[in-house]
């Protein structure tokens, strides 16, 4: 998207931006945007796994005594699935 030389990019009208973007198939981020986004998702996945499992271990006795049908296994699976999904989104963000 190359703006006219006499105007700044934020001064362009929506119609001009649409004309310039019409020839492009998809928008590509800069390297720092991809690195920041992927690091954020991967970090969030690792953090959610670490804190989730730690909290489950701290509350294991309470969970096992509760009347809930969701005991440790299903809760660990939920934490692992959520964390894996966040890490996968981070990896996808890095390469796509």
N, C-alpha and C. Protein backbone atom coordinates (compact mmCIF):
# COMPACT_ATOMS: atom_id res chain seq x y z
N UNK A 1 0.84 -1.16 0.00
CA UNK A 1 0.00 0.00 0.00
C UNK A 1 0.89 1.23 0.00
N UNK A 2 1.14 1.78 -1.15
CA UNK A 2 1.99 2.96 -1.27
C UNK A 2 1.12 4.20 -1.40
N UNK A 3 1.09 5.05 -0.38
CA UNK A 3 0.27 6.25 -0.45
C UNK A 3 0.90 7.25 -1.41
N UNK A 4 0.10 8.18 -1.89
CA UNK A 4 0.69 9.24 -2.71
C UNK A 4 1.76 9.98 -1.93
N UNK A 5 2.73 10.51 -2.64
CA UNK A 5 3.89 11.12 -1.99
C UNK A 5 3.54 12.37 -1.18
N UNK A 6 2.48 13.07 -1.57
CA UNK A 6 2.17 14.32 -0.90
C UNK A 6 1.26 14.16 0.32
N UNK A 7 0.83 12.94 0.63
CA UNK A 7 -0.08 12.72 1.76
C UNK A 7 0.43 11.60 2.66
N UNK A 8 0.15 11.73 3.93
CA UNK A 8 0.52 10.70 4.89
C UNK A 8 -0.48 9.55 4.81
N UNK A 9 -0.11 8.34 5.21
CA UNK A 9 -1.01 7.19 5.11
C UNK A 9 -2.33 7.38 5.86
N UNK A 10 -2.32 8.08 6.99
CA UNK A 10 -3.55 8.25 7.76
C UNK A 10 -4.49 9.29 7.16
N UNK A 11 -4.02 10.00 6.14
CA UNK A 11 -4.87 10.99 5.48
C UNK A 11 -5.62 10.41 4.29
N UNK A 12 -5.39 9.15 3.96
CA UNK A 12 -6.06 8.54 2.83
C UNK A 12 -7.53 8.28 3.15
N UNK A 13 -8.36 8.35 2.14
CA UNK A 13 -9.77 8.04 2.31
C UNK A 13 -9.98 6.54 2.13
N UNK A 14 -11.09 6.05 2.62
CA UNK A 14 -11.37 4.62 2.56
C UNK A 14 -11.39 4.11 1.12
N UNK A 15 -11.92 4.89 0.20
CA UNK A 15 -11.99 4.46 -1.20
C UNK A 15 -10.59 4.29 -1.79
N UNK A 16 -9.67 5.18 -1.44
CA UNK A 16 -8.31 5.08 -1.94
C UNK A 16 -7.60 3.85 -1.39
N UNK A 17 -7.85 3.55 -0.13
CA UNK A 17 -7.25 2.37 0.48
C UNK A 17 -7.79 1.11 -0.19
N UNK A 18 -9.10 1.07 -0.44
CA UNK A 18 -9.70 -0.09 -1.10
C UNK A 18 -9.13 -0.29 -2.49
N UNK A 19 -8.91 0.77 -3.22
CA UNK A 19 -8.33 0.66 -4.56
C UNK A 19 -6.92 0.09 -4.50
N UNK A 20 -6.15 0.55 -3.52
CA UNK A 20 -4.77 0.08 -3.41
C UNK A 20 -4.71 -1.36 -2.93
N UNK A 21 -5.65 -1.76 -2.08
CA UNK A 21 -5.64 -3.12 -1.55
C UNK A 21 -6.30 -4.12 -2.50
N UNK A 22 -7.02 -3.66 -3.51
CA UNK A 22 -7.74 -4.57 -4.40
C UNK A 22 -6.79 -5.51 -5.13
N UNK A 23 -5.61 -5.07 -5.45
CA UNK A 23 -4.66 -5.90 -6.16
C UNK A 23 -3.96 -6.92 -5.30
N UNK A 24 -4.05 -6.79 -4.00
CA UNK A 24 -3.37 -7.72 -3.10
C UNK A 24 -4.33 -8.81 -2.65
N UNK A 25 -3.83 -10.04 -2.61
CA UNK A 25 -4.68 -11.16 -2.21
C UNK A 25 -4.89 -11.20 -0.70
N UNK A 26 -3.85 -10.93 0.06
CA UNK A 26 -3.99 -10.95 1.51
C UNK A 26 -3.03 -9.95 2.13
N UNK A 27 -3.36 -9.58 3.34
CA UNK A 27 -2.53 -8.64 4.08
C UNK A 27 -1.42 -9.39 4.78
N UNK A 28 -0.21 -8.89 4.73
CA UNK A 28 0.92 -9.52 5.40
C UNK A 28 1.44 -8.62 6.51
N UNK A 29 1.63 -9.22 7.67
CA UNK A 29 2.14 -8.48 8.82
C UNK A 29 3.65 -8.33 8.74
N UNK A 30 4.15 -7.39 9.49
CA UNK A 30 5.60 -7.25 9.60
C UNK A 30 6.14 -8.34 10.53
N UNK A 31 7.42 -8.55 10.48
CA UNK A 31 8.04 -9.61 11.28
C UNK A 31 7.86 -9.38 12.77
N UNK A 32 8.00 -8.15 13.21
CA UNK A 32 7.85 -7.88 14.65
C UNK A 32 6.42 -8.11 15.12
N UNK A 33 5.44 -7.85 14.26
CA UNK A 33 4.04 -8.12 14.63
C UNK A 33 3.80 -9.61 14.78
N UNK A 34 4.34 -10.38 13.87
CA UNK A 34 4.19 -11.84 13.96
C UNK A 34 4.90 -12.40 15.18
N UNK A 35 6.11 -11.92 15.43
CA UNK A 35 6.87 -12.41 16.58
C UNK A 35 6.17 -12.07 17.89
N UNK A 36 5.67 -10.85 18.00
CA UNK A 36 4.97 -10.44 19.22
C UNK A 36 3.69 -11.24 19.41
N UNK A 37 2.92 -11.39 18.35
CA UNK A 37 1.66 -12.13 18.45
C UNK A 37 1.87 -13.59 18.78
N UNK A 38 2.81 -14.22 18.11
CA UNK A 38 3.05 -15.64 18.39
C UNK A 38 3.64 -15.84 19.77
N UNK A 39 4.53 -14.96 20.20
CA UNK A 39 5.09 -15.07 21.55
C UNK A 39 4.01 -14.88 22.61
N UNK A 40 3.07 -13.99 22.35
CA UNK A 40 1.99 -13.76 23.31
C UNK A 40 1.12 -15.01 23.46
N UNK A 41 0.73 -15.62 22.35
CA UNK A 41 -0.12 -16.82 22.42
C UNK A 41 0.62 -18.00 23.03
N UNK A 42 1.86 -18.20 22.63
CA UNK A 42 2.64 -19.31 23.19
C UNK A 42 2.87 -19.09 24.68
N UNK A 43 3.21 -17.88 25.05
CA UNK A 43 3.41 -17.57 26.47
C UNK A 43 2.14 -17.76 27.28
N UNK A 44 1.01 -17.37 26.72
CA UNK A 44 -0.26 -17.55 27.40
C UNK A 44 -0.60 -19.03 27.56
N UNK A 45 -0.28 -19.84 26.55
CA UNK A 45 -0.52 -21.27 26.65
C UNK A 45 0.33 -21.92 27.72
N UNK A 46 1.60 -21.57 27.76
CA UNK A 46 2.50 -22.13 28.77
C UNK A 46 2.08 -21.67 30.16
N UNK A 47 1.76 -20.41 30.29
CA UNK A 47 1.34 -19.87 31.59
C UNK A 47 0.04 -20.52 32.07
N UNK A 48 -0.92 -20.69 31.18
CA UNK A 48 -2.19 -21.29 31.60
C UNK A 48 -2.00 -22.75 32.00
N UNK A 49 -1.11 -23.46 31.32
CA UNK A 49 -0.86 -24.85 31.72
C UNK A 49 -0.19 -24.90 33.08
N UNK A 50 0.84 -24.09 33.26
CA UNK A 50 1.59 -24.10 34.52
C UNK A 50 0.70 -23.73 35.70
N UNK A 51 -0.01 -22.64 35.59
CA UNK A 51 -0.85 -22.20 36.71
C UNK A 51 -2.05 -23.11 36.91
N UNK A 52 -2.61 -23.61 35.82
CA UNK A 52 -3.77 -24.50 35.95
C UNK A 52 -3.44 -25.79 36.66
N UNK A 53 -2.35 -26.42 36.28
CA UNK A 53 -1.94 -27.68 36.92
C UNK A 53 -1.52 -27.41 38.37
N UNK A 54 -0.84 -26.31 38.60
CA UNK A 54 -0.44 -25.97 39.97
C UNK A 54 -1.66 -25.79 40.88
N UNK A 55 -2.67 -25.08 40.38
CA UNK A 55 -3.88 -24.88 41.17
C UNK A 55 -4.64 -26.18 41.39
N UNK A 56 -4.64 -27.06 40.40
CA UNK A 56 -5.29 -28.36 40.59
C UNK A 56 -4.60 -29.17 41.67
N UNK A 57 -3.29 -29.15 41.67
CA UNK A 57 -2.55 -29.90 42.70
C UNK A 57 -2.81 -29.33 44.09
N UNK A 58 -2.93 -28.02 44.19
CA UNK A 58 -3.20 -27.39 45.47
C UNK A 58 -4.60 -27.74 45.99
N UNK A 59 -5.54 -27.92 45.10
CA UNK A 59 -6.93 -28.16 45.49
C UNK A 59 -7.37 -29.60 45.28
N UNK A 60 -6.43 -30.50 45.11
CA UNK A 60 -6.78 -31.88 44.80
C UNK A 60 -7.67 -32.51 45.87
N UNK A 61 -7.36 -32.31 47.12
CA UNK A 61 -8.16 -32.91 48.19
C UNK A 61 -9.59 -32.38 48.18
N UNK A 62 -9.75 -31.10 47.97
CA UNK A 62 -11.09 -30.51 47.93
C UNK A 62 -11.87 -31.04 46.74
N UNK A 63 -11.21 -31.16 45.60
CA UNK A 63 -11.87 -31.64 44.39
C UNK A 63 -12.30 -33.10 44.56
N UNK A 64 -11.44 -33.91 45.13
CA UNK A 64 -11.76 -35.33 45.29
C UNK A 64 -12.90 -35.54 46.29
N UNK A 65 -13.03 -34.69 47.28
CA UNK A 65 -14.11 -34.81 48.26
C UNK A 65 -15.43 -34.23 47.77
N UNK A 66 -15.39 -33.43 46.72
CA UNK A 66 -16.61 -32.77 46.25
C UNK A 66 -17.54 -33.77 45.57
N UNK A 67 -18.78 -33.38 45.43
CA UNK A 67 -19.79 -34.23 44.81
C UNK A 67 -19.80 -34.09 43.29
N UNK A 68 -18.93 -33.28 42.76
CA UNK A 68 -18.89 -33.04 41.32
C UNK A 68 -18.45 -34.30 40.58
N UNK A 69 -19.03 -34.50 39.41
CA UNK A 69 -18.62 -35.66 38.60
C UNK A 69 -17.32 -35.39 37.85
N UNK A 70 -16.87 -34.14 37.84
CA UNK A 70 -15.63 -33.77 37.16
C UNK A 70 -14.48 -33.82 38.16
N UNK A 71 -13.75 -34.90 38.14
CA UNK A 71 -12.63 -35.07 39.06
C UNK A 71 -11.34 -34.59 38.40
N UNK A 72 -10.23 -35.08 38.84
CA UNK A 72 -8.92 -34.56 38.40
C UNK A 72 -8.65 -34.80 36.92
N UNK A 73 -8.97 -35.97 36.42
CA UNK A 73 -8.63 -36.30 35.04
C UNK A 73 -9.28 -35.37 34.03
N UNK A 74 -10.57 -35.14 34.18
CA UNK A 74 -11.26 -34.28 33.22
C UNK A 74 -10.81 -32.83 33.35
N UNK A 75 -10.48 -32.41 34.54
CA UNK A 75 -9.99 -31.04 34.72
C UNK A 75 -8.60 -30.87 34.12
N UNK A 76 -7.75 -31.87 34.29
CA UNK A 76 -6.42 -31.81 33.69
C UNK A 76 -6.52 -31.82 32.17
N UNK A 77 -7.44 -32.61 31.65
CA UNK A 77 -7.64 -32.65 30.20
C UNK A 77 -8.09 -31.28 29.68
N UNK A 78 -8.98 -30.63 30.40
CA UNK A 78 -9.44 -29.31 30.00
C UNK A 78 -8.32 -28.29 29.98
N UNK A 79 -7.49 -28.32 31.01
CA UNK A 79 -6.36 -27.38 31.07
C UNK A 79 -5.36 -27.68 29.95
N UNK A 80 -5.05 -28.95 29.75
CA UNK A 80 -4.09 -29.32 28.71
C UNK A 80 -4.61 -28.96 27.32
N UNK A 81 -5.90 -29.18 27.08
CA UNK A 81 -6.48 -28.87 25.78
C UNK A 81 -6.47 -27.37 25.51
N UNK A 82 -6.87 -26.60 26.49
CA UNK A 82 -6.86 -25.14 26.33
C UNK A 82 -5.44 -24.62 26.10
N UNK A 83 -4.50 -25.12 26.86
CA UNK A 83 -3.11 -24.68 26.72
C UNK A 83 -2.54 -25.09 25.37
N UNK A 84 -2.83 -26.31 24.94
CA UNK A 84 -2.34 -26.78 23.64
C UNK A 84 -2.94 -25.95 22.51
N UNK A 85 -4.20 -25.59 22.63
CA UNK A 85 -4.83 -24.76 21.60
C UNK A 85 -4.16 -23.38 21.52
N UNK A 86 -3.85 -22.80 22.66
CA UNK A 86 -3.19 -21.49 22.66
C UNK A 86 -1.78 -21.57 22.06
N UNK A 87 -1.05 -22.61 22.38
CA UNK A 87 0.29 -22.79 21.80
C UNK A 87 0.17 -23.02 20.30
N UNK A 88 -0.81 -23.80 19.88
CA UNK A 88 -1.01 -24.06 18.45
C UNK A 88 -1.35 -22.77 17.70
N UNK A 89 -2.17 -21.92 18.29
CA UNK A 89 -2.48 -20.64 17.66
C UNK A 89 -1.22 -19.78 17.56
N UNK A 90 -0.38 -19.83 18.57
CA UNK A 90 0.88 -19.09 18.53
C UNK A 90 1.80 -19.58 17.43
N UNK A 91 1.88 -20.89 17.26
CA UNK A 91 2.71 -21.45 16.18
C UNK A 91 2.12 -21.10 14.82
N UNK A 92 0.80 -21.21 14.71
CA UNK A 92 0.14 -20.85 13.45
C UNK A 92 0.39 -19.38 13.12
N UNK A 93 0.32 -18.55 14.13
CA UNK A 93 0.52 -17.11 13.93
C UNK A 93 1.93 -16.81 13.45
N UNK A 94 2.89 -17.59 13.89
CA UNK A 94 4.27 -17.35 13.50
C UNK A 94 4.51 -17.65 12.02
N UNK A 95 3.79 -18.63 11.47
CA UNK A 95 4.08 -19.07 10.11
C UNK A 95 3.02 -18.70 9.09
N UNK A 96 1.87 -18.23 9.50
CA UNK A 96 0.82 -17.88 8.53
C UNK A 96 0.43 -16.44 8.63
